[in-house]
Amino acid sequence: MAPNEPQLYGTQWGKSPAGKPEPRTAIEDEAMVDIRRAAVGLGTIDAYLKELGAAFGKR
């Protein structure tokens, strides 16, 4: 992923100042991201965020 370029699969996340997850850069055509993810064998964004929360804790 190039700096400031939109993400295709939404795999790069950080935390907002309020501590909530947010994409590090925008997700291209966010309405279609789960379809793109499924095409390459990834789960949904919601499932991914749950995995991240379990792996890194909800701080």
C-alpha atoms as a PDB file:
ATOM      1  CA  MET A   1       0.000   0.000   0.000  1.00  0.00           C
ATOM      2  CA  ALA A   2       1.427   3.361  -1.009  1.00  0.00           C
ATOM      3  CA  PRO A   3       1.213   6.222   1.488  1.00  0.00           C
ATOM      4  CA  ASN A   4      -2.143   8.039   1.346  1.00  0.00           C
ATOM      5  CA  GLU A   5      -3.499   5.636  -1.289  1.00  0.00           C
ATOM      6  CA  PRO A   6      -6.829   3.932  -0.552  1.00  0.00           C
ATOM      7  CA  GLN A   7      -6.750   0.342   0.654  1.00  0.00           C
ATOM      8  CA  LEU A   8      -8.420  -2.386  -1.381  1.00  0.00           C
ATOM      9  CA  TYR A   9      -8.964  -4.933   1.411  1.00  0.00           C
ATOM     10  CA  GLY A  10      -9.042  -2.860   4.593  1.00  0.00           C
ATOM     11  CA  THR A  11      -6.240  -4.717   6.354  1.00  0.00           C
ATOM     12  CA  GLN A  12      -4.380  -1.693   7.784  1.00  0.00           C
ATOM     13  CA  TRP A  13      -5.996  -0.362  10.951  1.00  0.00           C
ATOM     14  CA  GLY A  14      -5.038   1.883  13.833  1.00  0.00           C
ATOM     15  CA  LYS A  15      -6.859   3.611  16.668  1.00  0.00           C
ATOM     16  CA  SER A  16      -8.620   6.943  16.653  1.00  0.00           C
ATOM     17  CA  PRO A  17      -7.826   9.446  19.425  1.00  0.00           C
ATOM     18  CA  ALA A  18     -10.923   8.055  21.181  1.00  0.00           C
ATOM     19  CA  GLY A  19      -9.409   4.551  21.058  1.00  0.00           C
ATOM     20  CA  LYS A  20     -11.752   3.175  18.419  1.00  0.00           C
ATOM     21  CA  PRO A  21     -10.467   1.241  15.402  1.00  0.00           C
ATOM     22  CA  GLU A  22     -10.123   3.219  12.186  1.00  0.00           C
ATOM     23  CA  PRO A  23      -8.520   2.473   8.829  1.00  0.00           C
ATOM     24  CA  ARG A  24      -5.025   3.955   8.482  1.00  0.00           C
ATOM     25  CA  THR A  25      -6.043   5.195   5.039  1.00  0.00           C
ATOM     26  CA  ALA A  26      -9.418   5.271   3.329  1.00  0.00           C
ATOM     27  CA  ILE A  27     -10.858   2.027   1.995  1.00  0.00           C
ATOM     28  CA  GLU A  28     -11.548   2.173  -1.731  1.00  0.00           C
ATOM     29  CA  ASP A  29     -15.246   1.718  -2.542  1.00  0.00           C
ATOM     30  CA  GLU A  30     -15.984   0.663   1.029  1.00  0.00           C
ATOM     31  CA  ALA A  31     -19.425  -0.662   0.086  1.00  0.00           C
ATOM     32  CA  MET A  32     -17.710  -3.387  -1.983  1.00  0.00           C
ATOM     33  CA  VAL A  33     -14.807  -4.233   0.343  1.00  0.00           C
ATOM     34  CA  ASP A  34     -16.335  -7.458   1.688  1.00  0.00           C
ATOM     35  CA  ILE A  35     -16.846  -8.724  -1.869  1.00  0.00           C
ATOM     36  CA  ARG A  36     -13.182  -8.000  -2.728  1.00  0.00           C
ATOM     37  CA  ARG A  37     -12.067  -9.630   0.529  1.00  0.00           C
ATOM     38  CA  ALA A  38     -14.124 -12.765  -0.178  1.00  0.00           C
ATOM     39  CA  ALA A  39     -12.624 -13.032  -3.673  1.00  0.00           C
ATOM     40  CA  VAL A  40      -9.145 -13.425  -2.145  1.00  0.00           C
ATOM     41  CA  GLY A  41     -10.194 -15.674   0.743  1.00  0.00           C
ATOM     42  CA  LEU A  42     -10.516 -13.064   3.495  1.00  0.00           C
ATOM     43  CA  GLY A  43     -13.426 -12.751   5.907  1.00  0.00           C
ATOM     44  CA  THR A  44     -15.599  -9.671   6.296  1.00  0.00           C
ATOM     45  CA  ILE A  45     -14.352  -6.404   7.747  1.00  0.00           C
ATOM     46  CA  ASP A  46     -16.551  -6.987  10.817  1.00  0.00           C
ATOM     47  CA  ALA A  47     -15.010 -10.407  11.424  1.00  0.00           C
ATOM     48  CA  TYR A  48     -11.510  -8.957  10.925  1.00  0.00           C
ATOM     49  CA  LEU A  49     -12.127  -6.218  13.484  1.00  0.00           C
ATOM     50  CA  LYS A  50     -13.334  -8.808  15.990  1.00  0.00           C
ATOM     51  CA  GLU A  51     -10.118 -10.788  15.395  1.00  0.00           C
ATOM     52  CA  LEU A  52      -8.010  -7.667  15.919  1.00  0.00           C
ATOM     53  CA  GLY A  53      -9.874  -6.885  19.124  1.00  0.00           C
ATOM     54  CA  ALA A  54      -9.266 -10.407  20.423  1.00  0.00           C
ATOM     55  CA  ALA A  55      -5.586 -10.377  19.418  1.00  0.00           C
ATOM     56  CA  PHE A  56      -4.714  -6.936  20.766  1.00  0.00           C
ATOM     57  CA  GLY A  57      -7.333  -6.411  23.430  1.00  0.00           C
ATOM     58  CA  LYS A  58      -9.746  -3.568  23.706  1.00  0.00           C
ATOM     59  CA  ARG A  59      -7.669  -0.839  25.255  1.00  0.00           C
END
